[in-house]
């Protein structure tokens, strides 16, 4: 049991390290190469009134996940910021998203509450990798099943968190 638990813990740490390093590399490519060569950094800073200094994955997350924030009931002034948090949670993990929450520049208390509940959960791509790698190491015969159910489980977990966030937003 101890050896299996240690394998799982090492796997979780390694997956998180790899995902965060990958995001940092993508941000470097987007901001320092593409953004500066094409002038996108200046446009992004202008469009967001300085909320984002350069073209980054977080900015893209904000745009891509803004419709989800809107559907959850986030006030329109905060949808890109909450969208960024939702994207960070989905692509990296909820710990990084929660760490970014205090600096999110959210205007309304309702946005804070909805974001807090929407981020609460283990439904993200890194968790799929952790489950396949970690549980797959303990039960190698179930790797195929874990792979087949990974995305479905992530969608189900995300919907559960989003439903809780909507209810919390309605109460506020």
N, C-alpha and C. Protein backbone atom coordinates (compact mmCIF):
# COMPACT_ATOMS: atom_id res chain seq x y z
N UNK A 1 0.80 -1.20 0.00
CA UNK A 1 0.00 0.00 0.00
C UNK A 1 0.84 1.27 0.00
N UNK A 2 1.90 1.29 0.81
CA UNK A 2 2.73 2.48 0.91
C UNK A 2 3.45 2.76 -0.40
N UNK A 3 3.97 1.72 -1.01
CA UNK A 3 4.69 1.89 -2.28
C UNK A 3 3.74 2.40 -3.36
N UNK A 4 2.53 1.85 -3.41
CA UNK A 4 1.55 2.30 -4.40
C UNK A 4 1.17 3.76 -4.15
N UNK A 5 0.97 4.12 -2.89
CA UNK A 5 0.65 5.51 -2.55
C UNK A 5 1.78 6.46 -2.93
N UNK A 6 3.01 6.04 -2.70
CA UNK A 6 4.16 6.85 -3.07
C UNK A 6 4.26 7.02 -4.58
N UNK A 7 4.01 5.94 -5.32
CA UNK A 7 4.00 6.03 -6.79
C UNK A 7 2.95 7.04 -7.26
N UNK A 8 1.78 6.98 -6.65
CA UNK A 8 0.69 7.89 -7.02
C UNK A 8 1.07 9.34 -6.71
N UNK A 9 1.65 9.58 -5.54
CA UNK A 9 2.04 10.94 -5.16
C UNK A 9 3.11 11.49 -6.09
N UNK A 10 4.08 10.68 -6.44
CA UNK A 10 5.13 11.12 -7.37
C UNK A 10 4.53 11.40 -8.74
N UNK A 11 3.60 10.56 -9.17
CA UNK A 11 2.94 10.77 -10.46
C UNK A 11 2.18 12.08 -10.48
N UNK A 12 1.43 12.38 -9.41
CA UNK A 12 0.67 13.63 -9.34
C UNK A 12 1.61 14.83 -9.41
N UNK A 13 2.67 14.80 -8.62
CA UNK A 13 3.63 15.91 -8.63
C UNK A 13 4.28 16.09 -9.99
N UNK A 14 4.66 15.00 -10.63
CA UNK A 14 5.29 15.08 -11.95
C UNK A 14 4.32 15.64 -12.99
N UNK A 15 3.08 15.19 -12.97
CA UNK A 15 2.08 15.68 -13.94
C UNK A 15 1.85 17.18 -13.77
N UNK A 16 1.71 17.64 -12.54
CA UNK A 16 1.49 19.07 -12.30
C UNK A 16 2.69 19.89 -12.75
N UNK A 17 3.88 19.41 -12.45
CA UNK A 17 5.09 20.11 -12.87
C UNK A 17 5.16 20.22 -14.39
N UNK A 18 4.87 19.14 -15.08
CA UNK A 18 4.92 19.14 -16.55
C UNK A 18 3.86 20.07 -17.13
N UNK A 19 2.63 20.04 -16.62
CA UNK A 19 1.57 20.91 -17.14
C UNK A 19 1.90 22.38 -16.93
N UNK A 20 2.38 22.74 -15.76
CA UNK A 20 2.70 24.14 -15.48
C UNK A 20 3.88 24.60 -16.33
N UNK A 21 4.88 23.76 -16.49
CA UNK A 21 6.02 24.10 -17.35
C UNK A 21 5.59 24.25 -18.81
N UNK A 22 4.70 23.39 -19.27
CA UNK A 22 4.19 23.48 -20.64
C UNK A 22 3.45 24.80 -20.87
N UNK A 23 2.62 25.20 -19.92
CA UNK A 23 1.90 26.47 -20.03
C UNK A 23 2.87 27.64 -20.06
N UNK A 24 3.89 27.60 -19.21
CA UNK A 24 4.89 28.67 -19.20
C UNK A 24 5.62 28.76 -20.54
N UNK A 25 5.94 27.61 -21.14
CA UNK A 25 6.60 27.61 -22.44
C UNK A 25 5.68 28.18 -23.53
N UNK A 26 4.41 27.79 -23.51
CA UNK A 26 3.46 28.30 -24.49
C UNK A 26 3.29 29.81 -24.33
N UNK A 27 3.22 30.29 -23.08
CA UNK A 27 3.11 31.73 -22.85
C UNK A 27 4.34 32.48 -23.36
N UNK A 28 5.51 31.89 -23.20
CA UNK A 28 6.73 32.50 -23.71
C UNK A 28 6.67 32.61 -25.24
N UNK A 29 6.25 31.55 -25.89
CA UNK A 29 6.14 31.56 -27.35
C UNK A 29 5.10 32.56 -27.81
N UNK A 30 3.92 32.56 -27.17
CA UNK A 30 2.85 33.47 -27.58
C UNK A 30 3.20 34.93 -27.32
N UNK A 31 3.72 35.23 -26.15
CA UNK A 31 3.97 36.62 -25.78
C UNK A 31 5.27 37.18 -26.32
N UNK A 32 6.36 36.45 -26.12
CA UNK A 32 7.67 36.99 -26.47
C UNK A 32 8.03 36.80 -27.94
N UNK A 33 7.48 35.81 -28.58
CA UNK A 33 7.77 35.63 -30.00
C UNK A 33 6.62 36.15 -30.86
N UNK A 34 5.50 35.48 -30.80
CA UNK A 34 4.38 35.84 -31.69
C UNK A 34 3.85 37.22 -31.36
N UNK A 35 3.62 37.49 -30.08
CA UNK A 35 3.04 38.77 -29.68
C UNK A 35 3.91 39.96 -30.02
N UNK A 36 5.23 39.85 -29.81
CA UNK A 36 6.09 40.98 -30.14
C UNK A 36 6.35 41.11 -31.63
N UNK A 37 6.46 40.02 -32.33
CA UNK A 37 6.71 40.10 -33.77
C UNK A 37 5.51 40.65 -34.53
N UNK A 38 4.31 40.29 -34.10
CA UNK A 38 3.12 40.69 -34.84
C UNK A 38 2.45 41.94 -34.29
N UNK A 39 2.88 42.42 -33.13
CA UNK A 39 2.24 43.58 -32.52
C UNK A 39 1.01 43.24 -31.72
N UNK A 40 0.74 41.95 -31.53
CA UNK A 40 -0.43 41.53 -30.76
C UNK A 40 -0.35 41.96 -29.30
N UNK A 41 0.87 42.05 -28.76
CA UNK A 41 1.01 42.45 -27.36
C UNK A 41 0.41 43.83 -27.13
N UNK A 42 0.70 44.77 -28.03
CA UNK A 42 0.16 46.12 -27.90
C UNK A 42 -1.35 46.13 -28.04
N UNK A 43 -1.86 45.35 -28.99
CA UNK A 43 -3.31 45.28 -29.19
C UNK A 43 -4.02 44.68 -27.97
N UNK A 44 -3.45 43.63 -27.42
CA UNK A 44 -4.06 42.99 -26.24
C UNK A 44 -4.07 43.96 -25.07
N UNK A 45 -2.96 44.66 -24.85
CA UNK A 45 -2.90 45.63 -23.75
C UNK A 45 -3.92 46.75 -23.95
N UNK A 46 -4.08 47.19 -25.20
CA UNK A 46 -5.06 48.25 -25.50
C UNK A 46 -6.49 47.75 -25.33
N UNK A 47 -6.80 46.56 -25.87
CA UNK A 47 -8.16 46.02 -25.80
C UNK A 47 -8.61 45.74 -24.37
N UNK A 48 -7.67 45.38 -23.52
CA UNK A 48 -8.03 45.00 -22.14
C UNK A 48 -7.74 46.12 -21.14
N UNK A 49 -7.44 47.31 -21.62
CA UNK A 49 -7.11 48.44 -20.75
C UNK A 49 -6.01 48.09 -19.76
N UNK A 50 -5.04 47.32 -20.20
CA UNK A 50 -3.89 46.98 -19.38
C UNK A 50 -4.08 45.78 -18.46
N UNK A 51 -5.25 45.16 -18.48
CA UNK A 51 -5.44 43.96 -17.64
C UNK A 51 -4.48 42.85 -18.05
N UNK A 52 -4.22 42.76 -19.34
CA UNK A 52 -3.24 41.81 -19.88
C UNK A 52 -2.17 42.62 -20.57
N UNK A 53 -0.91 42.36 -20.24
CA UNK A 53 0.19 43.11 -20.83
C UNK A 53 0.61 42.57 -22.18
N UNK A 54 0.40 41.28 -22.39
CA UNK A 54 0.81 40.69 -23.66
C UNK A 54 -0.07 39.51 -24.01
N UNK A 55 0.08 39.07 -25.24
CA UNK A 55 -0.65 37.92 -25.76
C UNK A 55 -0.22 36.69 -24.98
N UNK A 56 -1.18 35.98 -24.38
CA UNK A 56 -0.84 34.83 -23.55
C UNK A 56 -1.96 33.80 -23.60
N UNK A 57 -1.65 32.65 -23.08
CA UNK A 57 -2.64 31.59 -23.00
C UNK A 57 -3.78 32.00 -22.06
N UNK A 58 -3.45 32.73 -21.00
CA UNK A 58 -4.49 33.19 -20.08
C UNK A 58 -5.47 34.12 -20.78
N UNK A 59 -4.96 34.99 -21.63
CA UNK A 59 -5.84 35.89 -22.39
C UNK A 59 -6.75 35.08 -23.32
N UNK A 60 -6.18 34.08 -23.98
CA UNK A 60 -6.99 33.22 -24.85
C UNK A 60 -8.03 32.44 -24.04
N UNK A 61 -7.62 31.95 -22.85
CA UNK A 61 -8.58 31.28 -21.97
C UNK A 61 -9.74 32.21 -21.65
N UNK A 62 -9.42 33.45 -21.33
CA UNK A 62 -10.46 34.42 -20.99
C UNK A 62 -11.47 34.58 -22.11
N UNK A 63 -10.98 34.66 -23.34
CA UNK A 63 -11.88 34.81 -24.48
C UNK A 63 -12.68 33.53 -24.75
N UNK A 64 -12.01 32.39 -24.71
CA UNK A 64 -12.67 31.12 -25.02
C UNK A 64 -13.70 30.70 -23.96
N UNK A 65 -13.41 30.99 -22.71
CA UNK A 65 -14.28 30.55 -21.63
C UNK A 65 -15.23 31.64 -21.15
N UNK A 66 -15.16 32.84 -21.74
CA UNK A 66 -16.08 33.92 -21.36
C UNK A 66 -17.55 33.54 -21.57
N UNK A 67 -17.91 32.84 -22.65
CA UNK A 67 -19.32 32.43 -22.78
C UNK A 67 -19.80 31.54 -21.63
N UNK A 68 -18.93 30.68 -21.13
CA UNK A 68 -19.31 29.84 -19.99
C UNK A 68 -19.53 30.70 -18.75
N UNK A 69 -18.66 31.69 -18.55
CA UNK A 69 -18.83 32.60 -17.41
C UNK A 69 -20.15 33.35 -17.53
N UNK A 70 -20.49 33.77 -18.73
CA UNK A 70 -21.75 34.48 -18.96
C UNK A 70 -22.95 33.58 -18.65
N UNK A 71 -22.88 32.33 -19.12
CA UNK A 71 -23.96 31.38 -18.86
C UNK A 71 -24.12 31.13 -17.35
N UNK A 72 -23.02 31.15 -16.63
CA UNK A 72 -23.08 30.93 -15.18
C UNK A 72 -23.72 32.11 -14.45
N UNK A 73 -23.83 33.25 -15.12
CA UNK A 73 -24.46 34.41 -14.49
C UNK A 73 -23.48 35.47 -14.02
N UNK A 74 -22.24 35.40 -14.47
CA UNK A 74 -21.25 36.40 -14.10
C UNK A 74 -21.60 37.72 -14.78
N UNK A 75 -21.56 38.85 -14.06
CA UNK A 75 -21.81 40.15 -14.70
C UNK A 75 -20.85 40.38 -15.87
N UNK A 76 -21.34 41.06 -16.90
CA UNK A 76 -20.60 41.17 -18.16
C UNK A 76 -19.23 41.81 -18.01
N UNK A 77 -19.05 42.70 -17.07
CA UNK A 77 -17.75 43.35 -16.91
C UNK A 77 -16.67 42.35 -16.43
N UNK A 78 -17.10 41.26 -15.81
CA UNK A 78 -16.15 40.29 -15.25
C UNK A 78 -16.03 38.99 -16.04
N UNK A 79 -16.74 38.85 -17.16
CA UNK A 79 -16.77 37.54 -17.82
C UNK A 79 -15.42 37.10 -18.37
N UNK A 80 -14.60 38.02 -18.87
CA UNK A 80 -13.30 37.60 -19.40
C UNK A 80 -12.38 37.17 -18.27
N UNK A 81 -12.41 37.89 -17.16
CA UNK A 81 -11.56 37.51 -16.02
C UNK A 81 -11.98 36.16 -15.44
N UNK A 82 -13.28 35.94 -15.27
CA UNK A 82 -13.75 34.65 -14.77
C UNK A 82 -13.49 33.57 -15.83
N UNK A 83 -13.64 33.91 -17.11
CA UNK A 83 -13.33 32.97 -18.18
C UNK A 83 -11.89 32.52 -18.13
N UNK A 84 -10.99 33.45 -17.82
CA UNK A 84 -9.58 33.09 -17.68
C UNK A 84 -9.39 32.08 -16.55
N UNK A 85 -10.05 32.32 -15.44
CA UNK A 85 -9.95 31.40 -14.30
C UNK A 85 -10.51 30.03 -14.65
N UNK A 86 -11.64 30.01 -15.35
CA UNK A 86 -12.23 28.73 -15.76
C UNK A 86 -11.30 27.98 -16.72
N UNK A 87 -10.68 28.72 -17.63
CA UNK A 87 -9.74 28.10 -18.56
C UNK A 87 -8.51 27.56 -17.86
N UNK A 88 -7.99 28.35 -16.92
CA UNK A 88 -6.83 27.91 -16.15
C UNK A 88 -7.17 26.65 -15.36
N UNK A 89 -8.34 26.62 -14.76
CA UNK A 89 -8.78 25.45 -14.00
C UNK A 89 -8.92 24.23 -14.90
N UNK A 90 -9.49 24.42 -16.08
CA UNK A 90 -9.74 23.30 -16.98
C UNK A 90 -8.45 22.77 -17.60
N UNK A 91 -7.58 23.65 -18.02
CA UNK A 91 -6.36 23.23 -18.71
C UNK A 91 -5.26 22.83 -17.74
N UNK A 92 -5.05 23.61 -16.67
CA UNK A 92 -3.98 23.28 -15.72
C UNK A 92 -4.59 22.55 -14.53
N UNK A 93 -5.05 23.30 -13.52
CA UNK A 93 -5.78 22.71 -12.39
C UNK A 93 -6.38 23.81 -11.53
N UNK A 94 -7.21 23.39 -10.59
CA UNK A 94 -7.94 24.34 -9.75
C UNK A 94 -7.04 25.08 -8.78
N UNK A 95 -5.91 24.49 -8.38
CA UNK A 95 -5.02 25.16 -7.44
C UNK A 95 -4.40 26.40 -8.06
N UNK A 96 -3.97 26.29 -9.29
CA UNK A 96 -3.41 27.44 -10.00
C UNK A 96 -4.49 28.50 -10.21
N UNK A 97 -5.70 28.07 -10.56
CA UNK A 97 -6.80 29.01 -10.76
C UNK A 97 -7.14 29.74 -9.47
N UNK A 98 -7.21 29.00 -8.37
CA UNK A 98 -7.49 29.64 -7.08
C UNK A 98 -6.37 30.60 -6.68
N UNK A 99 -5.13 30.26 -7.01
CA UNK A 99 -4.01 31.16 -6.71
C UNK A 99 -4.12 32.45 -7.51
N UNK A 100 -4.71 32.39 -8.70
CA UNK A 100 -4.89 33.58 -9.54
C UNK A 100 -6.15 34.37 -9.19
N UNK A 101 -7.05 33.80 -8.40
CA UNK A 101 -8.32 34.45 -8.07
C UNK A 101 -8.15 35.81 -7.39
N UNK A 102 -7.26 35.98 -6.41
CA UNK A 102 -7.14 37.30 -5.77
C UNK A 102 -6.69 38.41 -6.72
N UNK A 103 -5.95 38.07 -7.75
CA UNK A 103 -5.46 39.09 -8.69
C UNK A 103 -6.33 39.20 -9.94
N UNK A 104 -7.54 38.66 -9.88
CA UNK A 104 -8.40 38.59 -11.07
C UNK A 104 -9.11 39.90 -11.40
N UNK A 105 -9.04 40.92 -10.57
CA UNK A 105 -9.69 42.22 -10.84
C UNK A 105 -11.19 42.08 -11.05
N UNK A 106 -11.84 41.32 -10.22
CA UNK A 106 -13.29 41.16 -10.35
C UNK A 106 -13.99 42.32 -9.68
N UNK A 107 -14.98 42.88 -10.36
CA UNK A 107 -15.68 44.07 -9.88
C UNK A 107 -16.79 43.70 -8.90
N UNK A 108 -17.55 42.68 -9.21
CA UNK A 108 -18.74 42.34 -8.42
C UNK A 108 -18.50 41.17 -7.48
N UNK A 109 -19.11 41.26 -6.29
CA UNK A 109 -19.05 40.18 -5.31
C UNK A 109 -19.65 38.89 -5.89
N UNK A 110 -20.69 39.05 -6.68
CA UNK A 110 -21.34 37.90 -7.32
C UNK A 110 -20.35 37.13 -8.19
N UNK A 111 -19.47 37.85 -8.89
CA UNK A 111 -18.46 37.20 -9.73
C UNK A 111 -17.50 36.37 -8.89
N UNK A 112 -17.10 36.91 -7.73
CA UNK A 112 -16.21 36.18 -6.83
C UNK A 112 -16.87 34.88 -6.36
N UNK A 113 -18.13 34.98 -5.98
CA UNK A 113 -18.83 33.80 -5.46
C UNK A 113 -19.01 32.75 -6.54
N UNK A 114 -19.44 33.17 -7.72
CA UNK A 114 -19.63 32.21 -8.82
C UNK A 114 -18.29 31.57 -9.19
N UNK A 115 -17.23 32.37 -9.27
CA UNK A 115 -15.91 31.83 -9.62
C UNK A 115 -15.44 30.84 -8.56
N UNK A 116 -15.65 31.16 -7.30
CA UNK A 116 -15.22 30.27 -6.22
C UNK A 116 -15.86 28.89 -6.35
N UNK A 117 -17.15 28.86 -6.61
CA UNK A 117 -17.84 27.57 -6.74
C UNK A 117 -17.52 26.88 -8.06
N UNK A 118 -17.38 27.64 -9.13
CA UNK A 118 -17.10 27.04 -10.44
C UNK A 118 -15.71 26.40 -10.48
N UNK A 119 -14.77 26.95 -9.72
CA UNK A 119 -13.41 26.42 -9.71
C UNK A 119 -13.25 25.20 -8.81
N UNK A 120 -14.22 24.96 -7.96
CA UNK A 120 -14.13 23.91 -6.95
C UNK A 120 -14.36 22.54 -7.60
N UNK A 121 -13.31 21.80 -7.81
CA UNK A 121 -13.46 20.47 -8.39
C UNK A 121 -12.18 19.98 -9.02
N UNK A 122 -12.11 18.70 -9.26
CA UNK A 122 -10.92 18.04 -9.79
C UNK A 122 -11.09 17.73 -11.28
N UNK A 123 -12.01 18.44 -11.94
CA UNK A 123 -12.31 18.16 -13.34
C UNK A 123 -11.44 19.03 -14.24
N UNK A 124 -10.30 18.49 -14.67
CA UNK A 124 -9.41 19.20 -15.58
C UNK A 124 -8.54 18.19 -16.33
N UNK A 125 -7.83 18.69 -17.34
CA UNK A 125 -7.03 17.79 -18.16
C UNK A 125 -5.89 17.16 -17.38
N UNK A 126 -5.28 17.92 -16.48
CA UNK A 126 -4.18 17.32 -15.72
C UNK A 126 -4.69 16.20 -14.82
N UNK A 127 -5.93 16.31 -14.33
CA UNK A 127 -6.47 15.23 -13.49
C UNK A 127 -6.70 13.96 -14.31
N UNK A 128 -7.03 14.12 -15.58
CA UNK A 128 -7.16 12.93 -16.44
C UNK A 128 -5.81 12.23 -16.54
N UNK A 129 -4.76 13.01 -16.76
CA UNK A 129 -3.42 12.44 -16.81
C UNK A 129 -3.01 11.80 -15.50
N UNK A 130 -3.37 12.46 -14.40
CA UNK A 130 -3.05 11.92 -13.08
C UNK A 130 -3.79 10.61 -12.85
N UNK A 131 -5.06 10.56 -13.23
CA UNK A 131 -5.84 9.34 -13.03
C UNK A 131 -5.33 8.20 -13.90
N UNK A 132 -5.05 8.50 -15.16
CA UNK A 132 -4.55 7.44 -16.05
C UNK A 132 -3.19 6.96 -15.58
N UNK A 133 -2.30 7.91 -15.26
CA UNK A 133 -0.96 7.53 -14.82
C UNK A 133 -0.94 6.91 -13.44
N UNK A 134 -1.68 7.51 -12.50
CA UNK A 134 -1.65 7.05 -11.12
C UNK A 134 -2.42 5.77 -10.90
N UNK A 135 -3.69 5.77 -11.28
CA UNK A 135 -4.51 4.57 -11.10
C UNK A 135 -4.04 3.48 -12.07
N UNK A 136 -3.60 3.90 -13.25
CA UNK A 136 -3.09 2.94 -14.23
C UNK A 136 -1.86 2.21 -13.73
N UNK A 137 -1.05 2.88 -12.88
CA UNK A 137 0.12 2.21 -12.30
C UNK A 137 -0.29 1.18 -11.26
N UNK A 138 -1.38 1.47 -10.56
CA UNK A 138 -1.86 0.54 -9.54
C UNK A 138 -2.65 -0.61 -10.17
N UNK A 139 -3.45 -0.28 -11.20
CA UNK A 139 -4.28 -1.29 -11.89
C UNK A 139 -4.05 -1.18 -13.39
N UNK A 140 -2.93 -1.72 -13.89
CA UNK A 140 -2.59 -1.57 -15.30
C UNK A 140 -3.64 -2.12 -16.27
N UNK A 141 -4.41 -3.08 -15.86
CA UNK A 141 -5.43 -3.65 -16.72
C UNK A 141 -6.60 -2.72 -16.98
N UNK A 142 -6.72 -1.66 -16.20
CA UNK A 142 -7.85 -0.73 -16.34
C UNK A 142 -7.48 0.56 -17.09
N UNK A 143 -6.27 0.64 -17.62
CA UNK A 143 -5.84 1.84 -18.32
C UNK A 143 -6.77 2.21 -19.48
N UNK A 144 -7.18 1.23 -20.25
CA UNK A 144 -8.06 1.48 -21.40
C UNK A 144 -9.39 2.07 -20.93
N UNK A 145 -9.95 1.52 -19.86
CA UNK A 145 -11.21 2.03 -19.31
C UNK A 145 -11.03 3.45 -18.80
N UNK A 146 -9.93 3.71 -18.11
CA UNK A 146 -9.66 5.06 -17.60
C UNK A 146 -9.55 6.06 -18.75
N UNK A 147 -8.90 5.65 -19.82
CA UNK A 147 -8.74 6.53 -20.98
C UNK A 147 -10.09 6.82 -21.63
N UNK A 148 -10.92 5.81 -21.74
CA UNK A 148 -12.24 6.00 -22.36
C UNK A 148 -13.15 6.91 -21.53
N UNK A 149 -13.03 6.83 -20.21
CA UNK A 149 -13.93 7.58 -19.34
C UNK A 149 -13.37 8.94 -18.90
N UNK A 150 -12.12 9.23 -19.21
CA UNK A 150 -11.48 10.45 -18.73
C UNK A 150 -12.20 11.73 -19.10
N UNK A 151 -12.45 11.95 -20.38
CA UNK A 151 -13.12 13.18 -20.84
C UNK A 151 -14.55 13.24 -20.32
N UNK A 152 -15.24 12.10 -20.35
CA UNK A 152 -16.63 12.07 -19.86
C UNK A 152 -16.68 12.44 -18.38
N UNK A 153 -15.76 11.92 -17.60
CA UNK A 153 -15.72 12.24 -16.17
C UNK A 153 -15.40 13.72 -15.95
N UNK A 154 -14.51 14.27 -16.77
CA UNK A 154 -14.17 15.68 -16.65
C UNK A 154 -15.38 16.56 -16.96
N UNK A 155 -16.10 16.23 -18.01
CA UNK A 155 -17.29 17.01 -18.37
C UNK A 155 -18.35 16.91 -17.27
N UNK A 156 -18.57 15.71 -16.75
CA UNK A 156 -19.54 15.52 -15.67
C UNK A 156 -19.16 16.30 -14.42
N UNK A 157 -17.89 16.26 -14.05
CA UNK A 157 -17.42 17.01 -12.88
C UNK A 157 -17.54 18.51 -13.08
N UNK A 158 -17.23 18.97 -14.29
CA UNK A 158 -17.35 20.40 -14.59
C UNK A 158 -18.80 20.85 -14.51
N UNK A 159 -19.70 20.06 -15.08
CA UNK A 159 -21.12 20.41 -15.01
C UNK A 159 -21.63 20.46 -13.57
N UNK A 160 -21.17 19.55 -12.73
CA UNK A 160 -21.59 19.55 -11.33
C UNK A 160 -21.13 20.84 -10.63
N UNK A 161 -19.88 21.22 -10.87
CA UNK A 161 -19.37 22.47 -10.27
C UNK A 161 -20.11 23.68 -10.82
N UNK A 162 -20.38 23.68 -12.11
CA UNK A 162 -21.09 24.81 -12.73
C UNK A 162 -22.51 24.93 -12.19
N UNK A 163 -23.18 23.80 -11.98
CA UNK A 163 -24.54 23.87 -11.43
C UNK A 163 -24.53 24.45 -10.02
N UNK A 164 -23.55 24.07 -9.23
CA UNK A 164 -23.42 24.63 -7.89
C UNK A 164 -23.15 26.13 -7.97
N UNK A 165 -22.30 26.54 -8.90
CA UNK A 165 -21.98 27.96 -9.07
C UNK A 165 -23.21 28.76 -9.48
N UNK A 166 -24.03 28.20 -10.36
CA UNK A 166 -25.25 28.89 -10.79
C UNK A 166 -26.20 29.08 -9.62
N UNK A 167 -26.38 28.04 -8.82
CA UNK A 167 -27.26 28.14 -7.65
C UNK A 167 -26.72 29.20 -6.68
N UNK A 168 -25.43 29.18 -6.43
CA UNK A 168 -24.83 30.18 -5.53
C UNK A 168 -25.01 31.58 -6.09
N UNK A 169 -24.87 31.74 -7.41
CA UNK A 169 -25.07 33.04 -8.04
C UNK A 169 -26.51 33.51 -7.95
N UNK A 170 -27.44 32.58 -7.98
CA UNK A 170 -28.86 32.96 -7.87
C UNK A 170 -29.21 33.41 -6.45
N UNK A 171 -28.56 32.83 -5.47
CA UNK A 171 -28.84 33.16 -4.08
C UNK A 171 -28.29 34.54 -3.71
N UNK A 172 -27.18 34.91 -4.31
CA UNK A 172 -26.53 36.19 -3.98
C UNK A 172 -27.31 37.35 -4.55
